[in-house]
C-alpha atoms as a PDB file:
ATOM      1  CA  MET A   1      -0.001  -0.015  -0.067  1.00  0.00           C
ATOM      2  CA  ARG A   2       1.035   3.585  -0.670  1.00  0.00           C
ATOM      3  CA  VAL A   3       1.234   6.389   1.955  1.00  0.00           C
ATOM      4  CA  ASN A   4      -2.026   8.276   2.081  1.00  0.00           C
ATOM      5  CA  ILE A   5      -2.041  11.752   0.663  1.00  0.00           C
ATOM      6  CA  SER A   6      -1.378  14.227   3.570  1.00  0.00           C
ATOM      7  CA  PRO A   7      -3.620  17.207   4.033  1.00  0.00           C
ATOM      8  CA  MET A   8      -2.205  19.959   1.762  1.00  0.00           C
ATOM      9  CA  LYS A   9      -1.062  23.237   3.291  1.00  0.00           C
ATOM     10  CA  ASN A  10       0.366  26.488   2.105  1.00  0.00           C
ATOM     11  CA  GLY A  11       3.226  27.988   4.033  1.00  0.00           C
ATOM     12  CA  GLU A  12       6.680  29.619   3.981  1.00  0.00           C
ATOM     13  CA  GLY A  13      10.085  28.128   4.192  1.00  0.00           C
ATOM     14  CA  ARG A  14      13.703  29.053   3.782  1.00  0.00           C
ATOM     15  CA  LEU A  15      16.775  27.391   2.208  1.00  0.00           C
ATOM     16  CA  PHE A  16      19.082  27.295   5.140  1.00  0.00           C
ATOM     17  CA  GLU A  17      22.136  25.629   3.666  1.00  0.00           C
ATOM     18  CA  THR A  18      23.437  23.510   0.769  1.00  0.00           C
ATOM     19  CA  HIS A  19      25.608  20.398   1.005  1.00  0.00           C
ATOM     20  CA  LEU A  20      28.405  19.175  -1.118  1.00  0.00           C
ATOM     21  CA  ASP A  21      26.195  16.358  -2.509  1.00  0.00           C
ATOM     22  CA  PHE A  22      23.850  19.165  -3.805  1.00  0.00           C
ATOM     23  CA  ARG A  23      21.170  18.410  -1.272  1.00  0.00           C
ATOM     24  CA  ALA A  24      19.779  21.290   0.779  1.00  0.00           C
ATOM     25  CA  ARG A  25      18.308  21.880   4.174  1.00  0.00           C
ATOM     26  CA  ILE A  26      15.006  23.556   4.038  1.00  0.00           C
ATOM     27  CA  LEU A  27      13.417  25.150   7.084  1.00  0.00           C
ATOM     28  CA  CYS A  28       9.601  24.776   7.118  1.00  0.00           C
ATOM     29  CA  PRO A  29       6.666  24.063   9.518  1.00  0.00           C
ATOM     30  CA  PRO A  30       6.698  20.377  10.701  1.00  0.00           C
ATOM     31  CA  GLU A  31       3.284  19.630   9.148  1.00  0.00           C
ATOM     32  CA  MET A  32       4.745  20.482   5.627  1.00  0.00           C
ATOM     33  CA  ILE A  33       7.555  17.964   5.740  1.00  0.00           C
ATOM     34  CA  PRO A  34       6.840  15.458   2.985  1.00  0.00           C
ATOM     35  CA  ALA A  35       7.095  11.659   3.536  1.00  0.00           C
ATOM     36  CA  PRO A  36       9.635   9.738   1.366  1.00  0.00           C
ATOM     37  CA  GLY A  37       8.316   9.881  -2.125  1.00  0.00           C
ATOM     38  CA  GLN A  38       6.086  12.849  -1.591  1.00  0.00           C
ATOM     39  CA  TYR A  39       6.971  16.363  -2.587  1.00  0.00           C
ATOM     40  CA  LEU A  40       6.472  20.058  -1.983  1.00  0.00           C
ATOM     41  CA  LEU A  41       5.945  22.629  -4.654  1.00  0.00           C
ATOM     42  CA  ALA A  42       8.397  25.432  -3.922  1.00  0.00           C
ATOM     43  CA  HIS A  43       8.770  28.907  -5.546  1.00  0.00           C
ATOM     44  CA  ALA A  44      11.477  31.317  -4.615  1.00  0.00           C
ATOM     45  CA  ARG A  45       9.969  34.626  -3.467  1.00  0.00           C
ATOM     46  CA  GLY A  46      10.737  37.397  -5.886  1.00  0.00           C
ATOM     47  CA  SER A  47      11.849  34.937  -8.584  1.00  0.00           C
ATOM     48  CA  ASP A  48      11.279  35.752 -12.287  1.00  0.00           C
ATOM     49  CA  SER A  49      10.317  32.128 -12.800  1.00  0.00           C
ATOM     50  CA  PRO A  50       6.562  31.772 -13.234  1.00  0.00           C
ATOM     51  CA  LEU A  51       6.428  28.178 -12.150  1.00  0.00           C
ATOM     52  CA  ALA A  52       6.961  26.359  -8.826  1.00  0.00           C
ATOM     53  CA  VAL A  53       9.224  23.231  -8.823  1.00  0.00           C
ATOM     54  CA  PRO A  54       8.854  19.954  -6.915  1.00  0.00           C
ATOM     55  CA  VAL A  55      11.105  19.386  -3.908  1.00  0.00           C
ATOM     56  CA  PHE A  56      11.540  15.874  -2.577  1.00  0.00           C
ATOM     57  CA  PHE A  57      12.325  14.557   0.884  1.00  0.00           C
ATOM     58  CA  SER A  58      15.769  13.061   1.389  1.00  0.00           C
ATOM     59  CA  ASP A  59      16.429  12.991   5.083  1.00  0.00           C
ATOM     60  CA  SER A  60      15.432  14.415   8.402  1.00  0.00           C
ATOM     61  CA  ALA A  61      17.022  17.648   9.745  1.00  0.00           C
ATOM     62  CA  PRO A  62      16.153  20.085  12.601  1.00  0.00           C
ATOM     63  CA  ASP A  63      13.348  22.373  11.936  1.00  0.00           C
ATOM     64  CA  GLY A  64      12.655  21.001   8.475  1.00  0.00           C
ATOM     65  CA  PHE A  65      14.253  18.365   6.246  1.00  0.00           C
ATOM     66  CA  LEU A  66      17.027  17.641   3.764  1.00  0.00           C
ATOM     67  CA  CYS A  67      15.767  17.766   0.213  1.00  0.00           C
ATOM     68  CA  ALA A  68      17.080  15.850  -2.843  1.00  0.00           C
ATOM     69  CA  PRO A  69      19.400  17.920  -5.163  1.00  0.00           C
ATOM     70  CA  LEU A  70      17.956  21.386  -5.733  1.00  0.00           C
ATOM     71  CA  PRO A  71      15.796  21.661  -8.738  1.00  0.00           C
ATOM     72  CA  ASP A  72      16.839  25.322  -9.199  1.00  0.00           C
ATOM     73  CA  SER A  73      20.507  26.106  -9.087  1.00  0.00           C
ATOM     74  CA  SER A  74      19.890  29.831  -8.581  1.00  0.00           C
ATOM     75  CA  TRP A  75      18.644  29.244  -5.044  1.00  0.00           C
ATOM     76  CA  ARG A  76      21.131  30.241  -2.321  1.00  0.00           C
ATOM     77  CA  PRO A  77      21.152  29.973   1.416  1.00  0.00           C
ATOM     78  CA  GLY A  78      18.760  32.524   2.756  1.00  0.00           C
ATOM     79  CA  THR A  79      16.292  32.249  -0.145  1.00  0.00           C
ATOM     80  CA  GLN A  80      12.734  32.555   1.003  1.00  0.00           C
ATOM     81  CA  LEU A  81      10.332  30.011  -0.371  1.00  0.00           C
ATOM     82  CA  ASN A  82       6.610  29.838  -0.853  1.00  0.00           C
ATOM     83  CA  LEU A  83       5.559  26.159  -0.260  1.00  0.00           C
ATOM     84  CA  ARG A  84       2.606  24.042  -1.010  1.00  0.00           C
ATOM     85  CA  GLY A  85       2.215  20.506   0.134  1.00  0.00           C
ATOM     86  CA  PRO A  86       2.818  17.767   1.082  1.00  0.00           C
ATOM     87  CA  LEU A  87       1.623  16.545  -2.328  1.00  0.00           C
ATOM     88  CA  GLY A  88       1.244  13.131  -3.998  1.00  0.00           C
ATOM     89  CA  ARG A  89       1.579   9.535  -2.789  1.00  0.00           C
ATOM     90  CA  GLY A  90       4.705   8.348  -1.228  1.00  0.00           C
ATOM     91  CA  PHE A  91       6.451   5.083  -0.438  1.00  0.00           C
ATOM     92  CA  SER A  92       5.263   2.578   2.116  1.00  0.00           C
ATOM     93  CA  ILE A  93       7.570  -0.264   3.245  1.00  0.00           C
ATOM     94  CA  PRO A  94       5.397  -3.324   4.172  1.00  0.00           C
ATOM     95  CA  ALA A  95       5.680  -4.571   7.706  1.00  0.00           C
ATOM     96  CA  PHE A  96       6.815  -8.007   6.446  1.00  0.00           C
ATOM     97  CA  ALA A  97       9.796  -6.524   4.650  1.00  0.00           C
ATOM     98  CA  ARG A  98      13.199  -7.840   6.004  1.00  0.00           C
ATOM     99  CA  LYS A  99      15.116  -7.459   2.743  1.00  0.00           C
ATOM    100  CA  VAL A 100      14.778  -3.953   1.225  1.00  0.00           C
ATOM    101  CA  ALA A 101      16.248  -2.950  -2.201  1.00  0.00           C
ATOM    102  CA  LEU A 102      16.556   0.657  -3.201  1.00  0.00           C
ATOM    103  CA  ILE A 103      17.226   0.790  -6.890  1.00  0.00           C
ATOM    104  CA  VAL A 104      18.203   4.112  -8.634  1.00  0.00           C
ATOM    105  CA  PHE A 105      17.803   3.643 -12.377  1.00  0.00           C
ATOM    106  CA  ASP A 106      19.209   7.048 -13.160  1.00  0.00           C
ATOM    107  CA  ASP A 107      20.233  10.318 -11.475  1.00  0.00           C
ATOM    108  CA  SER A 108      20.684  10.666  -7.613  1.00  0.00           C
ATOM    109  CA  PRO A 109      19.860   8.251  -4.902  1.00  0.00           C
ATOM    110  CA  ALA A 110      18.847  11.071  -2.578  1.00  0.00           C
ATOM    111  CA  ARG A 111      15.037  10.598  -3.062  1.00  0.00           C
ATOM    112  CA  LEU A 112      15.249   7.020  -1.730  1.00  0.00           C
ATOM    113  CA  ARG A 113      17.531   7.889   1.203  1.00  0.00           C
ATOM    114  CA  GLY A 114      14.631   8.556   3.540  1.00  0.00           C
ATOM    115  CA  LEU A 115      13.600   4.881   3.263  1.00  0.00           C
ATOM    116  CA  ILE A 116      16.702   3.727   5.013  1.00  0.00           C
ATOM    117  CA  SER A 117      15.811   4.682   8.564  1.00  0.00           C
ATOM    118  CA  LEU A 118      12.305   3.266   8.105  1.00  0.00           C
ATOM    119  CA  ALA A 119      13.679  -0.013   6.920  1.00  0.00           C
ATOM    120  CA  LEU A 120      16.335  -0.239   9.751  1.00  0.00           C
ATOM    121  CA  GLN A 121      13.629   0.464  12.242  1.00  0.00           C
ATOM    122  CA  GLN A 122      11.900  -2.823  11.327  1.00  0.00           C
ATOM    123  CA  ASP A 123      15.271  -4.807  11.342  1.00  0.00           C
ATOM    124  CA  ALA A 124      15.506  -5.019   7.506  1.00  0.00           C
ATOM    125  CA  GLU A 125      18.641  -5.474   5.548  1.00  0.00           C
ATOM    126  CA  VAL A 126      19.027  -2.592   3.014  1.00  0.00           C
ATOM    127  CA  VAL A 127      20.856  -2.793  -0.325  1.00  0.00           C
ATOM    128  CA  LEU A 128      21.255   0.349  -2.460  1.00  0.00           C
ATOM    129  CA  VAL A 129      21.727  -0.226  -6.235  1.00  0.00           C
ATOM    130  CA  CYS A 130      23.226   2.909  -7.889  1.00  0.00           C
ATOM    131  CA  ASN A 131      26.042   4.067  -9.960  1.00  0.00           C
ATOM    132  CA  SER A 132      26.455   7.472  -8.220  1.00  0.00           C
ATOM    133  CA  VAL A 133      26.709   7.159  -4.471  1.00  0.00           C
ATOM    134  CA  GLN A 134      28.136   9.668  -2.017  1.00  0.00           C
ATOM    135  CA  GLU A 135      30.565   8.487   0.658  1.00  0.00           C
ATOM    136  CA  ASP A 136      28.435   9.334   3.669  1.00  0.00           C
ATOM    137  CA  TRP A 137      25.842   6.634   3.332  1.00  0.00           C
ATOM    138  CA  PRO A 138      25.126   4.697   6.473  1.00  0.00           C
ATOM    139  CA  GLU A 139      27.424   1.684   7.079  1.00  0.00           C
ATOM    140  CA  ALA A 140      24.408  -0.520   7.404  1.00  0.00           C
ATOM    141  CA  VAL A 141      23.520  -0.070   3.809  1.00  0.00           C
ATOM    142  CA  GLU A 142      25.239  -2.420   1.303  1.00  0.00           C
ATOM    143  CA  VAL A 143      25.860  -0.709  -2.062  1.00  0.00           C
ATOM    144  CA  GLN A 144      25.925  -2.476  -5.400  1.00  0.00           C
ATOM    145  CA  PRO A 145      26.298  -1.125  -9.063  1.00  0.00           C
ATOM    146  CA  LEU A 146      23.374  -0.977 -11.303  1.00  0.00           C
ATOM    147  CA  GLN A 147      24.615  -4.018 -13.117  1.00  0.00           C
ATOM    148  CA  ALA A 148      23.568  -6.045 -10.026  1.00  0.00           C
ATOM    149  CA  MET A 149      20.045  -4.744 -10.263  1.00  0.00           C
ATOM    150  CA  PHE A 150      18.377  -8.091 -11.248  1.00  0.00           C
ATOM    151  CA  GLU A 151      20.171 -10.125  -8.610  1.00  0.00           C
ATOM    152  CA  VAL A 152      19.294  -7.692  -5.857  1.00  0.00           C
ATOM    153  CA  TYR A 153      15.715  -7.366  -7.045  1.00  0.00           C
ATOM    154  CA  ARG A 154      15.205 -11.036  -6.893  1.00  0.00           C
ATOM    155  CA  TRP A 155      16.775 -11.138  -3.354  1.00  0.00           C
ATOM    156  CA  ALA A 156      14.462  -8.471  -1.937  1.00  0.00           C
ATOM    157  CA  ASP A 157      11.029  -8.815  -0.480  1.00  0.00           C
ATOM    158  CA  TYR A 158      10.378  -5.116  -1.087  1.00  0.00           C
ATOM    159  CA  ALA A 159      11.977  -2.869  -3.745  1.00  0.00           C
ATOM    160  CA  ALA A 160      11.643   0.911  -4.238  1.00  0.00           C
ATOM    161  CA  PHE A 161      12.771   2.381  -7.616  1.00  0.00           C
ATOM    162  CA  ASP A 162      13.598   5.931  -8.681  1.00  0.00           C
ATOM    163  CA  VAL A 163      13.352   6.611 -12.337  1.00  0.00           C
ATOM    164  CA  ALA A 164      12.750   9.672 -14.764  1.00  0.00           C
ATOM    165  CA  ARG A 165       9.528   9.371 -16.861  1.00  0.00           C
ATOM    166  CA  GLY A 166      11.686   9.346 -20.028  1.00  0.00           C
ATOM    167  CA  ASN A 167      13.560   6.257 -18.851  1.00  0.00           C
ATOM    168  CA  LEU A 168      10.558   4.370 -17.702  1.00  0.00           C
ATOM    169  CA  PRO A 169      10.177   2.468 -21.040  1.00  0.00           C
ATOM    170  CA  HIS A 170      13.757   1.341 -20.671  1.00  0.00           C
ATOM    171  CA  LEU A 171      13.073   0.140 -17.013  1.00  0.00           C
ATOM    172  CA  LYS A 172       9.897  -1.634 -18.131  1.00  0.00           C
ATOM    173  CA  GLU A 173      11.726  -3.272 -21.042  1.00  0.00           C
ATOM    174  CA  ASN A 174      14.322  -4.558 -18.636  1.00  0.00           C
ATOM    175  CA  PHE A 175      11.817  -5.925 -16.221  1.00  0.00           C
ATOM    176  CA  GLY A 176       9.261  -7.152 -18.852  1.00  0.00           C
ATOM    177  CA  LYS A 177      10.904 -10.593 -19.182  1.00  0.00           C
ATOM    178  CA  ALA A 178       9.192 -13.074 -16.976  1.00  0.00           C
ATOM    179  CA  ASP A 179      12.280 -14.638 -15.485  1.00  0.00           C
ATOM    180  CA  GLN A 180      13.680 -11.271 -14.528  1.00  0.00           C
ATOM    181  CA  ALA A 181      10.307  -9.842 -13.212  1.00  0.00           C
ATOM    182  CA  ARG A 182      10.196 -12.490 -10.491  1.00  0.00           C
ATOM    183  CA  GLY A 183      11.055 -10.681  -7.312  1.00  0.00           C
ATOM    184  CA  PRO A 184       9.658  -8.877  -4.298  1.00  0.00           C
ATOM    185  CA  ARG A 185       6.115  -9.431  -3.016  1.00  0.00           C
ATOM    186  CA  GLU A 186       5.828  -5.717  -3.356  1.00  0.00           C
ATOM    187  CA  ALA A 187       7.677  -3.107  -5.425  1.00  0.00           C
ATOM    188  CA  GLN A 188       7.061   0.577  -5.925  1.00  0.00           C
ATOM    189  CA  VAL A 189       8.324   3.186  -8.372  1.00  0.00           C
ATOM    190  CA  LEU A 190       8.907   6.832  -7.986  1.00  0.00           C
ATOM    191  CA  ILE A 191       8.494   8.401 -11.361  1.00  0.00           C
ATOM    192  CA  ARG A 192       9.993  11.943 -11.864  1.00  0.00           C
ATOM    193  CA  ALA A 193       8.516  14.425 -14.202  1.00  0.00           C
ATOM    194  CA  PRO A 194       7.851  18.188 -14.325  1.00  0.00           C
ATOM    195  CA  MET A 195       4.793  18.830 -12.100  1.00  0.00           C
ATOM    196  CA  PRO A 196       3.990  22.615 -12.351  1.00  0.00           C
ATOM    197  CA  CYS A 197       0.405  22.516 -11.299  1.00  0.00           C
ATOM    198  CA  GLY A 198       0.894  20.226  -8.326  1.00  0.00           C
ATOM    199  CA  THR A 199      -2.540  18.585  -8.710  1.00  0.00           C
ATOM    200  CA  PHE A 200      -4.476  21.797  -9.100  1.00  0.00           C
ATOM    201  CA  ALA A 201      -5.104  22.247 -12.801  1.00  0.00           C
ATOM    202  CA  GLU A 202      -4.486  18.758 -14.362  1.00  0.00           C
ATOM    203  CA  CYS A 203      -2.411  20.551 -16.898  1.00  0.00           C
ATOM    204  CA  GLY A 204      -1.195  17.309 -18.349  1.00  0.00           C
ATOM    205  CA  VAL A 205       2.545  18.173 -18.268  1.00  0.00           C
ATOM    206  CA  CYS A 206       3.107  15.092 -16.100  1.00  0.00           C
ATOM    207  CA  ALA A 207       0.828  12.808 -17.885  1.00  0.00           C
ATOM    208  CA  LEU A 208       1.703   9.083 -18.000  1.00  0.00           C
ATOM    209  CA  ALA A 209       0.140   6.466 -20.194  1.00  0.00           C
ATOM    210  CA  VAL A 210      -0.645   3.262 -18.167  1.00  0.00           C
ATOM    211  CA  HIS A 211      -2.653   0.439 -19.753  1.00  0.00           C
ATOM    212  CA  HIS A 212      -4.078   2.686 -22.426  1.00  0.00           C
ATOM    213  CA  ASN A 213      -5.232   5.216 -19.724  1.00  0.00           C
ATOM    214  CA  TRP A 214      -3.690   8.454 -18.635  1.00  0.00           C
ATOM    215  CA  LYS A 215      -2.451   8.945 -15.086  1.00  0.00           C
ATOM    216  CA  MET A 216      -1.228  12.299 -13.644  1.00  0.00           C
ATOM    217  CA  ILE A 217       2.111  11.823 -11.862  1.00  0.00           C
ATOM    218  CA  CYS A 218       1.536  14.804  -9.638  1.00  0.00           C
ATOM    219  CA  LYS A 219      -1.730  13.379  -8.258  1.00  0.00           C
ATOM    220  CA  ASP A 220      -1.804   9.571  -8.990  1.00  0.00           C
ATOM    221  CA  GLY A 221       1.890   9.223  -8.081  1.00  0.00           C
ATOM    222  CA  PRO A 222       4.553  10.203  -8.041  1.00  0.00           C
ATOM    223  CA  VAL A 223       4.987   6.738  -6.428  1.00  0.00           C
ATOM    224  CA  PHE A 224       3.201   3.924  -8.257  1.00  0.00           C
ATOM    225  CA  GLU A 225       2.927   0.229  -7.485  1.00  0.00           C
ATOM    226  CA  MET A 226       5.106  -1.754  -9.873  1.00  0.00           C
ATOM    227  CA  ASN A 227       2.160  -3.898 -10.921  1.00  0.00           C
ATOM    228  CA  GLU A 228       0.275  -0.743 -11.889  1.00  0.00           C
ATOM    229  CA  LEU A 229       2.845  -0.124 -14.664  1.00  0.00           C
ATOM    230  CA  TYR A 230       2.663  -3.562 -16.373  1.00  0.00           C
END
């Protein structure tokens, strides 16, 4: 099951500091902190950009949270942010999971990092599959390259993926073979795409074709059950 959608709020935040791994600490009210897989829409106050951008949870931090790599490189410490959220459906590690795979098909592993503490709290082993890992990952997490994806996937009893919408066909192609698709009892996929309206207007920018139907990643996701996509 996925995390239920949290009551949406509007509020203010501030970019407090940036890290060497391009994550950033955002200060905000506690009720606006998204769960892993959920997002906030953020807009820099006074910015010339007309659109807000999605900001994903990466890890806990005092008075706010650490977000995944900043979507806007012009933001600097001290930038005041208008926030809306939390938005979307997040990850949910099932209670039975004792072997958890975090699989980053592209980009940064930061959006899956928040699942580590949740998995360790239920005494699960955690394996991260990724080709771009920073050195400060917890020692309890085993790290494997992307070429080990199928082996780790079959080992796990829960898997969480992170993939850009443009790379989703490639991921589905890889896992479309029956012998490779055998794996966890449950698997979920975070699909990344521009989400400018954040569920308000159904603008279609984040549209995703699923079984000849259209889903909106901003509202129906961004986390989907693996079996929804096949």
